[in-house]
PDB file of all heavy atoms in Angstrom:
ATOM      1  N   VAL A   1       4.590 -13.976  -4.034  1.00  0.00           N
ATOM      2  CA  VAL A   1       3.152 -14.205  -4.183  1.00  0.00           C
ATOM      3  C   VAL A   1       2.786 -14.423  -5.653  1.00  0.00           C
ATOM      4  O   VAL A   1       1.851 -15.178  -5.967  1.00  0.00           O
ATOM      5  CB  VAL A   1       2.317 -13.050  -3.588  1.00  0.00           C
ATOM      6  CG1 VAL A   1       2.382 -13.051  -2.076  1.00  0.00           C
ATOM      7  CG2 VAL A   1       2.729 -11.704  -4.167  1.00  0.00           C
ATOM      8  N   THR A   2       3.525 -13.783  -6.570  1.00  0.00           N
ATOM      9  CA  THR A   2       3.247 -14.008  -7.992  1.00  0.00           C
ATOM     10  C   THR A   2       3.658 -15.412  -8.411  1.00  0.00           C
ATOM     11  O   THR A   2       2.999 -16.034  -9.254  1.00  0.00           O
ATOM     12  CB  THR A   2       3.972 -12.974  -8.869  1.00  0.00           C
ATOM     13  OG1 THR A   2       5.379 -13.054  -8.671  1.00  0.00           O
ATOM     14  CG2 THR A   2       3.501 -11.563  -8.537  1.00  0.00           C
ATOM     15  N   ASN A   3       4.751 -15.930  -7.822  1.00  0.00           N
ATOM     16  CA  ASN A   3       5.147 -17.313  -8.105  1.00  0.00           C
ATOM     17  C   ASN A   3       4.071 -18.287  -7.636  1.00  0.00           C
ATOM     18  O   ASN A   3       3.716 -19.235  -8.353  1.00  0.00           O
ATOM     19  CB  ASN A   3       6.470 -17.637  -7.410  1.00  0.00           C
ATOM     20  CG  ASN A   3       7.646 -16.917  -8.015  1.00  0.00           C
ATOM     21  OD1 ASN A   3       7.729 -16.743  -9.221  1.00  0.00           O
ATOM     22  ND2 ASN A   3       8.579 -16.480  -7.174  1.00  0.00           N
ATOM     23  N   ALA A   4       3.553 -18.059  -6.437  1.00  0.00           N
ATOM     24  CA  ALA A   4       2.516 -18.953  -5.906  1.00  0.00           C
ATOM     25  C   ALA A   4       1.220 -18.819  -6.707  1.00  0.00           C
ATOM     26  O   ALA A   4       0.565 -19.825  -7.019  1.00  0.00           O
ATOM     27  CB  ALA A   4       2.253 -18.634  -4.437  1.00  0.00           C
ATOM     28  N   TYR A   5       0.857 -17.598  -7.068  1.00  0.00           N
ATOM     29  CA  TYR A   5      -0.387 -17.353  -7.807  1.00  0.00           C
ATOM     30  C   TYR A   5      -0.347 -18.026  -9.179  1.00  0.00           C
ATOM     31  O   TYR A   5      -1.252 -18.786  -9.531  1.00  0.00           O
ATOM     32  CB  TYR A   5      -0.586 -15.845  -7.956  1.00  0.00           C
ATOM     33  CG  TYR A   5      -1.813 -15.452  -8.747  1.00  0.00           C
ATOM     34  CD1 TYR A   5      -3.074 -15.519  -8.170  1.00  0.00           C
ATOM     35  CD2 TYR A   5      -1.719 -15.011 -10.062  1.00  0.00           C
ATOM     36  CE1 TYR A   5      -4.214 -15.159  -8.890  1.00  0.00           C
ATOM     37  CE2 TYR A   5      -2.844 -14.648 -10.783  1.00  0.00           C
ATOM     38  CZ  TYR A   5      -4.086 -14.720 -10.193  1.00  0.00           C
ATOM     39  OH  TYR A   5      -5.199 -14.371 -10.903  1.00  0.00           O
ATOM     40  N   SER A   6       0.706 -17.753  -9.950  1.00  0.00           N
ATOM     41  CA  SER A   6       0.805 -18.345 -11.286  1.00  0.00           C
ATOM     42  C   SER A   6       1.024 -19.854 -11.214  1.00  0.00           C
ATOM     43  O   SER A   6       0.511 -20.613 -12.053  1.00  0.00           O
ATOM     44  CB  SER A   6       1.942 -17.691 -12.077  1.00  0.00           C
ATOM     45  OG  SER A   6       1.606 -16.368 -12.416  1.00  0.00           O
ATOM     46  N   GLY A   7       1.784 -20.310 -10.212  1.00  0.00           N
ATOM     47  CA  GLY A   7       1.968 -21.749 -10.026  1.00  0.00           C
ATOM     48  C   GLY A   7       0.657 -22.446  -9.726  1.00  0.00           C
ATOM     49  O   GLY A   7       0.387 -23.550 -10.225  1.00  0.00           O
ATOM     50  N   GLY A   8      -0.191 -21.790  -8.925  1.00  0.00           N
ATOM     51  CA  GLY A   8      -1.498 -22.356  -8.603  1.00  0.00           C
ATOM     52  C   GLY A   8      -2.408 -22.439  -9.813  1.00  0.00           C
ATOM     53  O   GLY A   8      -3.120 -23.425 -10.007  1.00  0.00           O
ATOM     54  N   LEU A   9      -2.381 -21.402 -10.663  1.00  0.00           N
ATOM     55  CA  LEU A   9      -3.192 -21.426 -11.893  1.00  0.00           C
ATOM     56  C   LEU A   9      -2.750 -22.558 -12.818  1.00  0.00           C
ATOM     57  O   LEU A   9      -3.578 -23.295 -13.360  1.00  0.00           O
ATOM     58  CB  LEU A   9      -3.061 -20.086 -12.618  1.00  0.00           C
ATOM     59  CG  LEU A   9      -3.799 -18.888 -12.017  1.00  0.00           C
ATOM     60  CD1 LEU A   9      -3.450 -17.629 -12.797  1.00  0.00           C
ATOM     61  CD2 LEU A   9      -5.305 -19.105 -12.003  1.00  0.00           C
ATOM     62  N   ALA A  10      -1.423 -22.664 -13.007  1.00  0.00           N
ATOM     63  CA  ALA A  10      -0.897 -23.713 -13.893  1.00  0.00           C
ATOM     64  C   ALA A  10      -1.230 -25.103 -13.351  1.00  0.00           C
ATOM     65  O   ALA A  10      -1.594 -26.014 -14.105  1.00  0.00           O
ATOM     66  CB  ALA A  10       0.612 -23.548 -14.059  1.00  0.00           C
ATOM     67  N   LEU A  11      -1.113 -25.257 -12.035  1.00  0.00           N
ATOM     68  CA  LEU A  11      -1.398 -26.553 -11.426  1.00  0.00           C
ATOM     69  C   LEU A  11      -2.882 -26.897 -11.524  1.00  0.00           C
ATOM     70  O   LEU A  11      -3.249 -28.060 -11.721  1.00  0.00           O
ATOM     71  CB  LEU A  11      -0.941 -26.540  -9.964  1.00  0.00           C
ATOM     72  CG  LEU A  11      -0.744 -27.898  -9.283  1.00  0.00           C
ATOM     73  CD1 LEU A  11       0.269 -28.744 -10.053  1.00  0.00           C
ATOM     74  CD2 LEU A  11      -0.263 -27.683  -7.842  1.00  0.00           C
ATOM     75  N   SER A  12      -3.748 -25.880 -11.420  1.00  0.00           N
ATOM     76  CA  SER A  12      -5.188 -26.121 -11.578  1.00  0.00           C
ATOM     77  C   SER A  12      -5.483 -26.691 -12.958  1.00  0.00           C
ATOM     78  O   SER A  12      -6.242 -27.662 -13.102  1.00  0.00           O
ATOM     79  CB  SER A  12      -5.966 -24.810 -11.388  1.00  0.00           C
ATOM     80  OG  SER A  12      -5.999 -24.426 -10.041  1.00  0.00           O
ATOM     81  N   ASN A  13      -4.901 -26.081 -13.983  1.00  0.00           N
ATOM     82  CA  ASN A  13      -5.134 -26.562 -15.342  1.00  0.00           C
ATOM     83  C   ASN A  13      -4.529 -27.947 -15.552  1.00  0.00           C
ATOM     84  O   ASN A  13      -5.131 -28.817 -16.190  1.00  0.00           O
ATOM     85  CB  ASN A  13      -4.551 -25.580 -16.355  1.00  0.00           C
ATOM     86  CG  ASN A  13      -5.002 -25.867 -17.772  1.00  0.00           C
ATOM     87  OD1 ASN A  13      -6.171 -26.148 -18.020  1.00  0.00           O
ATOM     88  ND2 ASN A  13      -4.077 -25.815 -18.709  1.00  0.00           N
ATOM     89  N   LEU A  14      -3.339 -28.176 -15.001  1.00  0.00           N
ATOM     90  CA  LEU A  14      -2.671 -29.468 -15.145  1.00  0.00           C
ATOM     91  C   LEU A  14      -3.498 -30.598 -14.539  1.00  0.00           C
ATOM     92  O   LEU A  14      -3.588 -31.693 -15.099  1.00  0.00           O
ATOM     93  CB  LEU A  14      -1.287 -29.414 -14.481  1.00  0.00           C
ATOM     94  CG  LEU A  14      -0.482 -30.715 -14.440  1.00  0.00           C
ATOM     95  CD1 LEU A  14      -0.164 -31.192 -15.854  1.00  0.00           C
ATOM     96  CD2 LEU A  14       0.798 -30.517 -13.635  1.00  0.00           C
ATOM     97  N   LEU A  15      -4.119 -30.329 -13.400  1.00  0.00           N
ATOM     98  CA  LEU A  15      -4.883 -31.358 -12.696  1.00  0.00           C
ATOM     99  C   LEU A  15      -6.327 -31.464 -13.183  1.00  0.00           C
ATOM    100  O   LEU A  15      -7.098 -32.281 -12.671  1.00  0.00           O
ATOM    101  CB  LEU A  15      -4.865 -31.075 -11.191  1.00  0.00           C
ATOM    102  CG  LEU A  15      -3.481 -31.123 -10.526  1.00  0.00           C
ATOM    103  CD1 LEU A  15      -3.584 -30.742  -9.054  1.00  0.00           C
ATOM    104  CD2 LEU A  15      -2.852 -32.504 -10.670  1.00  0.00           C
ATOM    105  N   GLY A  16      -6.686 -30.631 -14.169  1.00  0.00           N
ATOM    106  CA  GLY A  16      -8.031 -30.704 -14.723  1.00  0.00           C
ATOM    107  C   GLY A  16      -9.081 -29.977 -13.910  1.00  0.00           C
ATOM    108  O   GLY A  16     -10.285 -30.211 -14.093  1.00  0.00           O
ATOM    109  N   PHE A  17      -8.628 -29.073 -13.010  1.00  0.00           N
ATOM    110  CA  PHE A  17      -9.571 -28.285 -12.218  1.00  0.00           C
ATOM    111  C   PHE A  17      -9.880 -26.988 -12.947  1.00  0.00           C
ATOM    112  O   PHE A  17      -9.199 -26.609 -13.895  1.00  0.00           O
ATOM    113  CB  PHE A  17      -8.986 -27.954 -10.841  1.00  0.00           C
ATOM    114  CG  PHE A  17      -8.669 -29.147  -9.987  1.00  0.00           C
ATOM    115  CD1 PHE A  17      -7.654 -29.082  -9.041  1.00  0.00           C
ATOM    116  CD2 PHE A  17      -9.378 -30.323 -10.120  1.00  0.00           C
ATOM    117  CE1 PHE A  17      -7.346 -30.176  -8.244  1.00  0.00           C
ATOM    118  CE2 PHE A  17      -9.084 -31.430  -9.325  1.00  0.00           C
ATOM    119  CZ  PHE A  17      -8.066 -31.349  -8.388  1.00  0.00           C
ATOM    120  N   ASP A  18     -10.905 -26.267 -12.441  1.00  0.00           N
ATOM    121  CA  ASP A  18     -11.101 -24.901 -12.907  1.00  0.00           C
ATOM    122  C   ASP A  18     -10.621 -23.964 -11.802  1.00  0.00           C
ATOM    123  O   ASP A  18     -10.046 -24.405 -10.803  1.00  0.00           O
ATOM    124  CB  ASP A  18     -12.568 -24.640 -13.294  1.00  0.00           C
ATOM    125  CG  ASP A  18     -13.524 -24.842 -12.116  1.00  0.00           C
ATOM    126  OD1 ASP A  18     -13.084 -24.776 -10.946  1.00  0.00           O
ATOM    127  OD2 ASP A  18     -14.725 -25.074 -12.372  1.00  0.00           O
ATOM    128  N   GLU A  19     -10.869 -22.667 -11.983  1.00  0.00           N
ATOM    129  CA  GLU A  19     -10.299 -21.711 -11.032  1.00  0.00           C
ATOM    130  C   GLU A  19     -10.983 -21.741  -9.671  1.00  0.00           C
ATOM    131  O   GLU A  19     -10.487 -21.145  -8.713  1.00  0.00           O
ATOM    132  CB  GLU A  19     -10.337 -20.298 -11.619  1.00  0.00           C
ATOM    133  CG  GLU A  19      -9.348 -19.358 -10.955  1.00  0.00           C
ATOM    134  CD  GLU A  19      -9.014 -18.131 -11.802  1.00  0.00           C
ATOM    135  OE1 GLU A  19      -9.466 -18.046 -12.952  1.00  0.00           O
ATOM    136  OE2 GLU A  19      -8.293 -17.268 -11.295  1.00  0.00           O
ATOM    137  N   SER A  20     -12.090 -22.421  -9.548  1.00  0.00           N
ATOM    138  CA  SER A  20     -12.752 -22.535  -8.249  1.00  0.00           C
ATOM    139  C   SER A  20     -11.895 -23.317  -7.252  1.00  0.00           C
ATOM    140  O   SER A  20     -12.059 -23.184  -6.040  1.00  0.00           O
ATOM    141  CB  SER A  20     -14.121 -23.211  -8.401  1.00  0.00           C
ATOM    142  OG  SER A  20     -13.975 -24.563  -8.820  1.00  0.00           O
ATOM    143  N   LYS A  21     -10.974 -24.135  -7.781  1.00  0.00           N
ATOM    144  CA  LYS A  21     -10.068 -24.907  -6.913  1.00  0.00           C
ATOM    145  C   LYS A  21      -8.713 -24.197  -6.750  1.00  0.00           C
ATOM    146  O   LYS A  21      -7.752 -24.801  -6.292  1.00  0.00           O
ATOM    147  CB  LYS A  21      -9.829 -26.297  -7.510  1.00  0.00           C
ATOM    148  CG  LYS A  21     -11.083 -27.108  -7.736  1.00  0.00           C
ATOM    149  CD  LYS A  21     -11.739 -27.474  -6.421  1.00  0.00           C
ATOM    150  CE  LYS A  21     -12.823 -28.537  -6.607  1.00  0.00           C
ATOM    151  NZ  LYS A  21     -13.913 -28.128  -7.492  1.00  0.00           N
ATOM    152  N   PHE A  22      -8.683 -22.922  -7.119  1.00  0.00           N
ATOM    153  CA  PHE A  22      -7.425 -22.180  -7.140  1.00  0.00           C
ATOM    154  C   PHE A  22      -6.726 -22.158  -5.778  1.00  0.00           C
ATOM    155  O   PHE A  22      -5.508 -22.320  -5.688  1.00  0.00           O
ATOM    156  CB  PHE A  22      -7.693 -20.744  -7.614  1.00  0.00           C
ATOM    157  CG  PHE A  22      -6.559 -19.803  -7.380  1.00  0.00           C
ATOM    158  CD1 PHE A  22      -5.411 -19.866  -8.159  1.00  0.00           C
ATOM    159  CD2 PHE A  22      -6.607 -18.853  -6.370  1.00  0.00           C
ATOM    160  CE1 PHE A  22      -4.350 -18.999  -7.944  1.00  0.00           C
ATOM    161  CE2 PHE A  22      -5.562 -17.996  -6.146  1.00  0.00           C
ATOM    162  CZ  PHE A  22      -4.426 -18.060  -6.937  1.00  0.00           C
ATOM    163  N   LYS A  23      -7.484 -21.960  -4.706  1.00  0.00           N
ATOM    164  CA  LYS A  23      -6.857 -21.894  -3.382  1.00  0.00           C
ATOM    165  C   LYS A  23      -6.185 -23.214  -3.017  1.00  0.00           C
ATOM    166  O   LYS A  23      -5.126 -23.221  -2.377  1.00  0.00           O
ATOM    167  CB  LYS A  23      -7.889 -21.505  -2.324  1.00  0.00           C
ATOM    168  CG  LYS A  23      -8.363 -20.067  -2.432  1.00  0.00           C
ATOM    169  CD  LYS A  23      -9.252 -19.684  -1.261  1.00  0.00           C
ATOM    170  CE  LYS A  23      -9.662 -18.220  -1.361  1.00  0.00           C
ATOM    171  NZ  LYS A  23     -10.498 -17.783  -0.211  1.00  0.00           N
ATOM    172  N   ILE A  24      -6.792 -24.315  -3.409  1.00  0.00           N
ATOM    173  CA  ILE A  24      -6.203 -25.622  -3.119  1.00  0.00           C
ATOM    174  C   ILE A  24      -4.895 -25.806  -3.867  1.00  0.00           C
ATOM    175  O   ILE A  24      -3.872 -26.195  -3.287  1.00  0.00           O
ATOM    176  CB  ILE A  24      -7.191 -26.752  -3.487  1.00  0.00           C
ATOM    177  CG1 ILE A  24      -8.455 -26.658  -2.625  1.00  0.00           C
ATOM    178  CG2 ILE A  24      -6.520 -28.121  -3.343  1.00  0.00           C
ATOM    179  CD1 ILE A  24      -9.537 -27.627  -3.036  1.00  0.00           C
ATOM    180  N   THR A  25      -4.914 -25.510  -5.172  1.00  0.00           N
ATOM    181  CA  THR A  25      -3.705 -25.720  -5.969  1.00  0.00           C
ATOM    182  C   THR A  25      -2.609 -24.713  -5.619  1.00  0.00           C
ATOM    183  O   THR A  25      -1.422 -25.045  -5.672  1.00  0.00           O
ATOM    184  CB  THR A  25      -4.025 -25.646  -7.474  1.00  0.00           C
ATOM    185  OG1 THR A  25      -4.699 -24.416  -7.767  1.00  0.00           O
ATOM    186  CG2 THR A  25      -4.904 -26.805  -7.885  1.00  0.00           C
ATOM    187  N   THR A  26      -2.993 -23.497  -5.246  1.00  0.00           N
ATOM    188  CA  THR A  26      -1.998 -22.527  -4.788  1.00  0.00           C
ATOM    189  C   THR A  26      -1.345 -23.018  -3.509  1.00  0.00           C
ATOM    190  O   THR A  26      -0.125 -22.892  -3.325  1.00  0.00           O
ATOM    191  CB  THR A  26      -2.650 -21.149  -4.559  1.00  0.00           C
ATOM    192  OG1 THR A  26      -3.172 -20.663  -5.785  1.00  0.00           O
ATOM    193  CG2 THR A  26      -1.637 -20.139  -4.028  1.00  0.00           C
ATOM    194  N   GLY A  27      -2.159 -23.573  -2.621  1.00  0.00           N
ATOM    195  CA  GLY A  27      -1.613 -24.126  -1.379  1.00  0.00           C
ATOM    196  C   GLY A  27      -0.654 -25.274  -1.642  1.00  0.00           C
ATOM    197  O   GLY A  27       0.397 -25.385  -1.003  1.00  0.00           O
ATOM    198  N   ILE A  28      -1.003 -26.131  -2.607  1.00  0.00           N
ATOM    199  CA  ILE A  28      -0.118 -27.255  -2.959  1.00  0.00           C
ATOM    200  C   ILE A  28       1.196 -26.736  -3.528  1.00  0.00           C
ATOM    201  O   ILE A  28       2.282 -27.180  -3.129  1.00  0.00           O
ATOM    202  CB  ILE A  28      -0.812 -28.190  -3.972  1.00  0.00           C
ATOM    203  CG1 ILE A  28      -2.016 -28.887  -3.330  1.00  0.00           C
ATOM    204  CG2 ILE A  28       0.171 -29.228  -4.506  1.00  0.00           C
ATOM    205  CD1 ILE A  28      -2.881 -29.661  -4.321  1.00  0.00           C
ATOM    206  N   ALA A  29       1.101 -25.784  -4.479  1.00  0.00           N
ATOM    207  CA  ALA A  29       2.304 -25.221  -5.097  1.00  0.00           C
ATOM    208  C   ALA A  29       3.199 -24.573  -4.052  1.00  0.00           C
ATOM    209  O   ALA A  29       4.417 -24.792  -4.028  1.00  0.00           O
ATOM    210  CB  ALA A  29       1.913 -24.204  -6.174  1.00  0.00           C
ATOM    211  N   GLY A  30       2.592 -23.782  -3.170  1.00  0.00           N
ATOM    212  CA  GLY A  30       3.372 -23.113  -2.139  1.00  0.00           C
ATOM    213  C   GLY A  30       3.970 -24.078  -1.129  1.00  0.00           C
ATOM    214  O   GLY A  30       5.101 -23.902  -0.680  1.00  0.00           O
TER     215      GLY A  30
END
């Protein structure tokens, strides 16, 4: 879960999103 959580945060920043899109990017990473 920590891999998915941190991966989602990094992916949010990479794609230019803020943390409001965290669930989407976590889902993509996972």
